[in-house]
Protein backbone atom coordinates (compact mmCIF):
# COMPACT_ATOMS: atom_id res chain seq x y z
CA MET A 1 144.57 130.56 63.90
CA ILE A 2 145.93 128.92 67.06
CA LYS A 3 145.41 125.16 66.98
CA LYS A 4 143.18 123.64 69.68
CA ASN A 5 144.48 120.69 71.68
CA LEU A 6 141.83 117.97 71.70
CA SER A 7 141.93 114.52 73.30
CA PHE A 8 139.48 111.68 72.83
CA ILE A 9 138.87 109.28 75.71
CA LEU A 10 138.12 105.69 74.71
CA PHE A 11 138.18 102.71 77.08
CA SER A 12 136.89 99.51 75.50
CA ASN A 13 137.74 95.86 74.84
CA GLY A 14 137.09 95.82 71.09
CA MET A 15 135.87 97.60 67.99
CA GLY A 16 132.16 98.43 67.93
CA GLY A 17 129.97 101.27 66.68
CA ALA A 18 131.07 103.90 69.20
CA GLU A 19 134.71 102.93 68.76
CA GLN A 20 134.37 103.34 64.99
CA VAL A 21 132.99 106.84 65.54
CA VAL A 22 136.14 107.81 67.45
CA MET A 23 138.28 106.38 64.67
CA GLN A 24 136.36 108.35 62.04
CA LEU A 25 136.57 111.57 64.05
CA ILE A 26 140.35 111.21 64.26
CA LYS A 27 140.60 110.41 60.54
CA HIS A 28 138.43 113.27 59.32
CA ILE A 29 139.09 116.12 61.73
CA ASP A 30 141.01 119.06 60.28
CA HIS A 31 144.49 118.51 61.72
CA THR A 32 145.49 122.02 60.69
CA LYS A 33 143.03 123.30 63.31
CA PHE A 34 143.48 120.67 66.01
CA ASN A 35 146.30 118.82 67.71
CA VAL A 36 144.68 115.44 68.36
CA TYR A 37 145.40 113.09 71.27
CA LEU A 38 143.93 109.85 72.59
CA ILE A 39 143.60 108.51 76.14
CA THR A 40 142.88 104.78 75.91
CA ASN A 41 143.70 101.27 77.16
CA THR A 42 146.00 98.54 75.85
CA GLU A 43 143.23 96.53 74.17
CA MET A 44 142.39 99.44 71.83
CA LEU A 45 145.92 100.42 70.74
CA THR A 46 146.07 98.11 67.72
CA TYR A 47 143.06 99.83 66.11
CA PHE A 48 144.72 103.26 66.16
CA ASN A 49 148.14 102.32 64.82
CA GLY A 50 149.06 104.83 62.14
CA LEU A 51 146.25 107.25 62.94
CA LEU A 52 148.18 109.13 65.63
CA ASP A 53 151.83 109.43 66.65
CA GLN A 54 152.71 107.34 69.67
CA GLU A 55 153.53 110.42 71.73
CA ASN A 56 149.95 111.62 71.18
CA ILE A 57 148.49 108.51 72.83
CA PHE A 58 148.33 107.87 76.56
CA ASN A 59 147.79 104.20 77.44
CA ILE A 60 146.48 103.51 80.96
CA GLY A 61 147.23 99.79 80.58
CA SER A 62 144.97 96.78 80.27
CA LEU A 63 141.38 96.96 81.46
CA TYR A 64 140.23 93.53 80.24
CA ASN A 65 143.20 91.20 79.63
CA TYR A 66 145.04 90.33 82.82
CA SER A 67 146.58 86.98 81.91
CA SER A 68 147.79 85.21 78.78
CA ASN A 69 145.98 82.11 80.06
CA HIS A 70 142.49 82.26 78.56
CA PHE A 71 140.76 80.36 81.37
CA LEU A 72 142.47 82.40 84.10
CA ASN A 73 141.68 85.63 82.27
CA ARG A 74 137.95 84.73 82.20
CA ILE A 75 138.01 84.21 85.97
CA LEU A 76 139.89 87.47 86.57
CA ASN A 77 137.52 89.36 84.27
CA LYS A 78 134.52 88.03 86.15
CA ILE A 79 136.05 89.15 89.46
CA VAL A 80 136.89 92.60 88.05
CA ARG A 81 133.38 93.09 86.66
CA THR A 82 131.67 91.82 89.80
CA LEU A 83 133.66 94.12 92.06
CA ASP A 84 133.56 96.99 89.54
CA LEU A 85 137.35 97.22 89.66
CA GLN A 86 137.70 98.90 86.25
CA LYS A 87 136.74 102.20 87.84
CA TYR A 88 139.36 101.64 90.51
CA LEU A 89 142.01 100.91 87.85
CA ILE A 90 141.10 104.12 85.99
CA LYS A 91 141.25 106.11 89.21
CA LEU A 92 144.73 104.72 89.93
CA LYS A 93 145.91 106.16 86.59
CA LEU A 94 144.30 109.58 87.10
CA LYS A 95 147.49 111.28 88.25
CA ASN A 96 149.34 110.18 85.10
CA ILE A 97 146.38 111.13 82.89
CA LEU A 98 146.43 114.63 84.39
CA LYS A 99 150.18 114.88 83.69
CA PHE A 100 149.56 113.90 80.06
CA ILE A 101 146.84 116.55 79.77
CA ASP A 102 149.06 119.21 81.35
CA LYS A 103 152.12 118.32 79.27
CA ASN A 104 150.16 118.63 76.01
CA LYS A 105 148.06 121.63 77.09
CA ILE A 106 144.88 119.74 76.26
CA SER A 107 141.84 121.99 76.61
CA ILE A 108 139.11 119.79 75.07
CA LEU A 109 138.09 116.25 76.06
CA HIS A 110 135.64 114.15 74.04
CA ALA A 111 134.39 110.92 75.64
CA HIS A 112 132.09 108.25 74.21
CA LEU A 113 131.54 105.24 76.46
CA MET A 114 130.68 104.66 80.11
CA TYR A 115 134.19 104.37 81.52
CA ASP A 116 135.17 107.34 79.36
CA LEU A 117 132.44 109.37 81.07
CA TYR A 118 133.68 108.21 84.47
CA ALA A 119 137.26 109.21 83.63
CA GLY A 120 136.12 112.56 82.24
CA GLN A 121 134.19 113.21 85.45
CA LEU A 122 137.36 112.58 87.51
CA ILE A 123 139.38 114.88 85.24
CA LYS A 124 136.72 117.60 85.34
CA GLU A 125 136.78 117.55 89.16
CA LYS A 126 140.51 118.33 89.06
CA LEU A 127 140.55 120.61 86.00
CA ASN A 128 137.32 122.57 86.04
CA GLN A 129 138.33 124.78 83.09
CA ILE A 130 138.74 121.87 80.70
CA ASN A 131 136.00 121.58 78.06
CA PHE A 132 134.32 118.18 78.46
CA ILE A 133 132.14 116.84 75.61
CA TYR A 134 130.33 113.51 75.75
CA THR A 135 128.60 111.58 72.96
CA ILE A 136 125.74 109.25 73.89
CA HIS A 137 125.51 106.22 71.61
CA GLY A 138 122.63 104.26 73.16
CA PHE A 139 119.64 104.08 75.47
CA LEU A 140 120.84 101.49 77.99
CA ASN A 141 121.75 103.83 80.83
CA LEU A 142 118.78 106.11 80.22
CA ASP A 143 116.14 103.53 81.10
CA ASN A 144 116.17 102.47 84.73
CA ASN A 145 113.52 99.83 83.97
CA LEU A 146 116.07 97.77 82.05
CA LYS A 147 117.80 96.97 85.35
CA LEU A 148 121.13 96.55 83.58
CA LYS A 149 124.40 97.48 85.17
CA TYR A 150 126.28 98.84 82.21
CA ALA A 151 129.58 100.08 83.69
CA LEU A 152 127.68 102.91 85.41
CA THR A 153 124.38 102.73 87.23
CA HIS A 154 121.43 104.76 86.01
CA GLU A 155 121.91 107.29 88.83
CA GLU A 156 125.67 107.56 88.31
CA PHE A 157 125.13 108.15 84.61
CA LYS A 158 122.65 110.97 85.24
CA ASP A 159 124.88 112.60 87.87
CA TYR A 160 127.96 112.54 85.65
CA LEU A 161 126.03 113.77 82.61
CA THR A 162 124.96 116.94 84.41
CA ASN A 163 128.64 117.91 84.77
CA VAL A 164 129.40 117.54 81.05
CA ASP A 165 129.85 120.85 79.20
CA TYR A 166 128.19 119.63 76.00
CA THR A 167 126.36 116.42 75.07
CA THR A 168 125.81 115.07 71.57
CA CYS A 169 123.41 112.23 70.65
CA VAL A 170 123.66 109.99 67.59
CA SER A 171 119.91 110.10 66.88
CA GLU A 172 117.07 112.58 67.36
CA LEU A 173 115.12 110.00 69.36
CA LEU A 174 118.08 109.58 71.68
CA GLN A 175 118.33 113.34 72.14
CA THR A 176 114.64 113.47 73.06
CA LYS A 177 115.10 110.70 75.63
CA VAL A 178 118.14 112.41 77.15
CA ILE A 179 116.29 115.70 77.56
CA GLN A 180 113.26 113.93 79.04
CA THR A 181 115.53 112.22 81.54
CA LEU A 182 117.58 115.33 82.33
CA PRO A 183 115.66 118.50 81.36
CA ALA A 184 118.39 120.68 82.91
CA ILE A 185 120.84 119.84 80.10
CA LYS A 186 118.46 120.74 77.24
CA GLN A 187 120.49 123.81 76.21
CA LYS A 188 123.71 121.84 75.95
CA CYS A 189 122.43 118.68 74.25
CA ILE A 190 122.24 118.34 70.45
CA TYR A 191 121.81 115.66 67.79
CA ILE A 192 124.67 114.87 65.40
CA SER A 193 124.14 111.95 63.05
CA ASN A 194 126.32 108.90 62.71
CA ALA A 195 127.84 108.66 59.26
CA LEU A 196 129.68 106.53 56.72
CA GLU A 197 133.17 106.82 55.26
CA LYS A 198 132.95 107.22 51.48
CA ILE A 199 136.30 105.64 50.68
CA ASN A 200 135.29 102.31 52.25
CA PHE A 201 132.59 101.81 49.64
CA GLU A 202 135.06 102.37 46.81
CA LYS A 203 137.14 99.42 48.05
CA ILE A 204 134.37 96.83 48.28
CA SER A 205 135.04 93.79 46.12
CA GLN A 206 132.83 93.66 43.06
CA PHE A 207 132.53 89.86 42.77
CA ASP A 208 129.18 88.34 43.73
CA MET A 209 129.20 85.28 45.98
CA LYS A 210 125.41 84.96 46.17
CA ASN A 211 124.14 81.43 45.66
CA LYS A 212 120.65 80.18 44.93
CA LYS A 213 119.75 80.46 48.59
CA ILE A 214 118.83 83.71 50.34
CA ASN A 215 121.83 85.15 52.18
CA LEU A 216 120.91 86.38 55.66
CA LEU A 217 123.41 88.40 57.71
CA PHE A 218 123.56 89.05 61.46
CA MET A 219 126.42 91.18 62.79
CA GLY A 220 125.81 91.30 66.55
CA GLY A 221 127.87 88.31 67.65
CA GLU A 222 127.12 87.14 71.18
CA LYS A 223 126.26 90.57 72.63
CA GLU A 224 122.99 90.03 74.48
CA VAL A 225 121.55 93.42 73.56
CA LYS A 226 121.95 92.61 69.84
CA GLY A 227 119.46 89.73 70.07
CA GLY A 228 121.52 86.83 68.75
CA ILE A 229 119.96 84.18 70.99
CA LEU A 230 116.46 85.24 69.94
CA LEU A 231 117.52 85.01 66.29
CA ILE A 232 118.90 81.48 66.65
CA LYS A 233 115.72 80.28 68.36
CA ALA A 234 113.66 81.93 65.59
CA ILE A 235 115.78 80.21 62.92
CA GLU A 236 115.06 76.83 64.53
CA TYR A 237 111.33 77.70 64.65
CA LEU A 238 111.49 78.82 61.00
CA ILE A 239 112.92 75.46 59.93
CA GLN A 240 110.64 73.27 62.05
CA THR A 241 107.34 75.16 61.87
CA HIS A 242 107.48 77.00 58.53
CA THR A 243 109.68 74.32 56.91
CA THR A 244 111.69 77.11 55.29
CA THR A 245 115.27 76.12 54.48
CA ASN A 246 116.13 78.21 51.42
CA PHE A 247 118.67 80.37 53.27
CA ILE A 248 122.13 80.65 54.76
CA LEU A 249 122.66 82.79 57.88
CA THR A 250 126.12 84.32 58.26
CA ILE A 251 127.06 85.52 61.75
CA LEU A 252 129.62 88.26 62.31
CA GLY A 253 130.71 89.90 65.53
CA PRO A 254 132.55 88.91 68.71
CA ILE A 255 131.95 85.27 69.68
CA ASN A 256 133.67 83.41 72.52
CA LYS A 257 133.76 79.67 71.84
CA ASN A 258 133.40 78.96 75.56
CA ASN A 259 130.20 80.95 76.00
CA THR A 260 126.52 80.02 75.70
CA PHE A 261 125.87 81.61 72.31
CA TYR A 262 128.58 79.63 70.48
CA LYS A 263 127.59 76.36 72.18
CA MET A 264 123.96 76.99 71.22
CA LEU A 265 125.04 77.31 67.59
CA LYS A 266 127.36 74.30 67.49
CA ASN A 267 125.17 71.91 69.50
CA ASN A 268 121.99 72.44 67.48
CA ILE A 269 121.86 69.82 64.73
CA ILE A 270 118.66 71.34 63.33
CA ILE A 271 120.25 74.63 62.34
CA GLU A 272 123.96 73.81 61.95
CA LYS A 273 123.94 73.36 58.16
CA TYR A 274 122.14 76.69 57.69
CA ILE A 275 124.63 78.73 59.75
CA GLU A 276 128.05 80.09 58.87
CA ILE A 277 130.00 81.48 61.86
CA VAL A 278 132.59 84.05 60.82
CA GLY A 279 133.12 85.93 64.09
CA PHE A 280 134.64 89.37 64.39
CA VAL A 281 136.11 91.05 61.29
CA ASN A 282 137.86 94.40 61.31
CA PRO A 283 136.00 97.25 59.61
CA PRO A 284 135.71 97.92 56.72
CA GLU A 285 136.03 94.22 55.78
CA HIS A 286 132.48 93.65 57.08
CA LEU A 287 131.15 95.71 54.16
CA ASP A 288 131.87 92.84 51.76
CA TYR A 289 129.53 90.63 53.78
CA ILE A 290 126.78 93.26 53.72
CA LYS A 291 127.15 93.67 49.96
CA GLN A 292 126.79 89.92 49.49
CA SER A 293 123.75 89.63 51.74
CA ASP A 294 120.13 89.68 50.62
CA VAL A 295 118.81 90.49 54.09
CA LEU A 296 120.47 92.28 56.99
CA ILE A 297 118.88 91.27 60.32
CA LEU A 298 118.92 93.57 63.37
CA PRO A 299 117.05 91.81 66.23
CA SER A 300 118.36 94.38 68.73
CA LYS A 301 116.75 94.97 72.12
CA SER A 302 118.19 98.49 72.21
CA GLU A 303 120.12 100.74 69.80
CA GLY A 304 121.19 104.37 69.66
CA MET A 305 121.75 104.73 65.91
CA PRO A 306 123.58 101.74 64.40
CA ILE A 307 125.90 102.68 61.55
CA VAL A 308 125.20 99.28 60.02
CA LEU A 309 121.70 100.52 59.21
CA TYR A 310 123.17 103.10 56.81
CA GLU A 311 125.60 100.50 55.47
CA GLY A 312 122.77 98.10 54.69
CA MET A 313 120.82 100.83 52.91
CA LYS A 314 123.87 101.87 50.89
CA LEU A 315 124.79 98.31 49.91
CA LYS A 316 121.29 97.23 48.87
CA SER A 317 120.57 94.70 51.58
CA ALA A 318 116.90 94.43 52.61
CA LEU A 319 116.43 95.31 56.29
CA LEU A 320 114.68 93.06 58.81
CA VAL A 321 114.55 94.88 62.15
CA SER A 322 113.00 94.67 65.62
CA ASP A 323 110.19 97.11 66.35
CA ILE A 324 112.15 99.05 68.97
CA PRO A 325 111.65 102.85 69.08
CA ILE A 326 114.82 103.87 67.20
CA PHE A 327 114.00 101.73 64.15
CA LYS A 328 110.35 102.83 64.18
CA SER A 329 111.49 106.46 64.20
CA LEU A 330 113.75 105.96 61.18
CA LEU A 331 112.07 103.30 59.05
CA GLU A 332 108.62 102.42 57.69
CA ASP A 333 107.30 98.88 57.91
CA GLN A 334 107.30 97.04 54.55
CA VAL A 335 108.62 100.17 52.82
CA SER A 336 112.17 100.70 54.10
CA ALA A 337 112.30 97.61 56.34
CA LEU A 338 110.25 94.68 57.57
CA PHE A 339 109.51 94.88 61.31
CA PHE A 340 109.03 92.12 63.86
CA SER A 341 108.27 92.01 67.57
CA LEU A 342 110.89 90.73 70.01
CA ASN A 343 109.60 87.17 70.29
CA ILE A 344 110.44 83.92 68.51
CA GLU A 345 107.21 83.50 66.57
CA SER A 346 107.14 87.05 65.22
CA LEU A 347 110.76 86.95 64.09
CA ALA A 348 110.34 83.52 62.50
CA THR A 349 107.22 84.67 60.63
CA SER A 350 109.01 87.80 59.37
CA LEU A 351 112.03 85.72 58.34
CA ASN A 352 109.73 83.44 56.36
CA LYS A 353 108.09 86.43 54.67
CA ILE A 354 111.27 88.26 53.68
CA ILE A 355 112.94 85.04 52.46
CA SER A 356 109.99 84.05 50.28
CA ASP A 357 108.91 87.50 49.05
CA THR A 358 111.36 88.74 46.42
CA GLN A 359 109.16 91.73 45.60
CA LEU A 360 109.20 92.90 49.23
CA ARG A 361 113.00 92.71 49.35
CA ASN A 362 113.25 94.65 46.11
CA THR A 363 110.79 97.29 47.36
CA ILE A 364 112.86 97.86 50.51
CA VAL A 365 116.14 98.04 48.62
CA LYS A 366 114.76 100.36 45.94
CA TYR A 367 113.34 102.75 48.52
CA ASN A 368 116.49 102.84 50.65
CA THR A 369 118.88 103.46 47.77
CA LYS A 370 117.10 106.78 47.16
CA GLN A 371 117.65 108.00 50.72
CA LYS A 372 120.33 110.56 51.58
CA ILE A 373 123.00 108.99 53.75
CA PRO A 374 125.40 111.21 55.77
CA TYR A 375 129.16 110.89 55.34
CA TRP A 376 131.91 111.74 57.79
CA ASP A 377 133.51 114.43 55.64
CA GLU A 378 130.25 116.38 56.11
CA ILE A 379 129.45 115.47 59.72
CA ILE A 380 132.94 116.26 61.01
CA LYS A 381 132.29 119.98 60.54
CA GLU A 382 129.51 119.82 63.13
CA TYR A 383 131.90 118.38 65.70
CA GLU A 384 134.62 120.88 64.83
CA ASN A 385 132.18 123.73 65.39
CA ILE A 386 131.37 122.38 68.86
CA TYR A 387 135.05 122.01 69.77
CA ILE A 388 135.83 125.54 68.66
CA GLN A 389 132.69 127.16 70.05
CA ARG A 390 132.90 125.47 73.45
CA ASN A 391 136.62 126.14 73.75
CA ASN A 392 136.16 129.83 72.84
CA ASN A 393 133.46 130.13 75.50
CA ILE A 394 135.82 128.76 78.12
CA ASP A 395 138.69 130.98 76.93
CA GLU A 396 136.45 134.00 77.35
């Protein structure tokens, strides 16, 4: 069998859910069938050290860090984002990207994020025969009512998506939304689940750090869409109105000490002794925190299919989640999770309930531990089939 030459495209400023998917695809793909490459930016290189040979990686340079001076870099980043210069920087590198593709005879591209889709669109315009696959990880660019500029506008996203050869979605609900938004791509849009890596769960420390208080865990950092500000306001309401203090909230995820979220945490004397700020930790180290938590909180405004949901189920943490469509399609209120509406009072009331109700937490954990959770060594075969099938169709 002749090996296929496949390159992932990944432009990002840190490790999140979609970035972890790319890492898992590279780890688990059958390297006897595929020569694997990566087109990325400087900020992501550290995460892929040891996964691929250096000659198999093309680095377009920095897309987010322009100065070693933190204050100056914040100003430059704001200018770049305001003027949408990241697209311009990617376009400047297109000629060299095309040379990398030609040199390595790459016939399959797999993109995951917004700037990846933009770059893939530019490549596809120059190399029409290349097989371009795109994975959609969330709903943000599918809903024009959100009025969020998320690297690409709603209209740009739809236009670019129509030129993709094959689209995968990380949840069935997401697939339905994509097809509703773009009915023309129905025949080339499928659902492939997110998954977990088995070996990570074999390495989790077995010691138990749980104290007499209920351990709450939030992993969204300062990302607005993850709902951290709402959670902090609800914690304050919980303490003042419900007079509930039998908990510790641990916060993981990217946090900039100069931004509003961190200042809100540090300047609030009501909540400070109930909060532990950890910040970002490299996967799979975050699994230790999930294992030690009693309750995993997901106050997200929007999600595609968060891997942390599976991790919480696997590691016996009770789930407290917002009542957004993706969670309602996957979970049942007070059976596999406790739901709340996206407002302070509802979240505070649900926090009070899940902290005080041991039986409810046990019910959720017991139910979720019986559920079948997908693993990457199974899911990878679905991606391999797409790479081979789509590439064969183009060869023909």
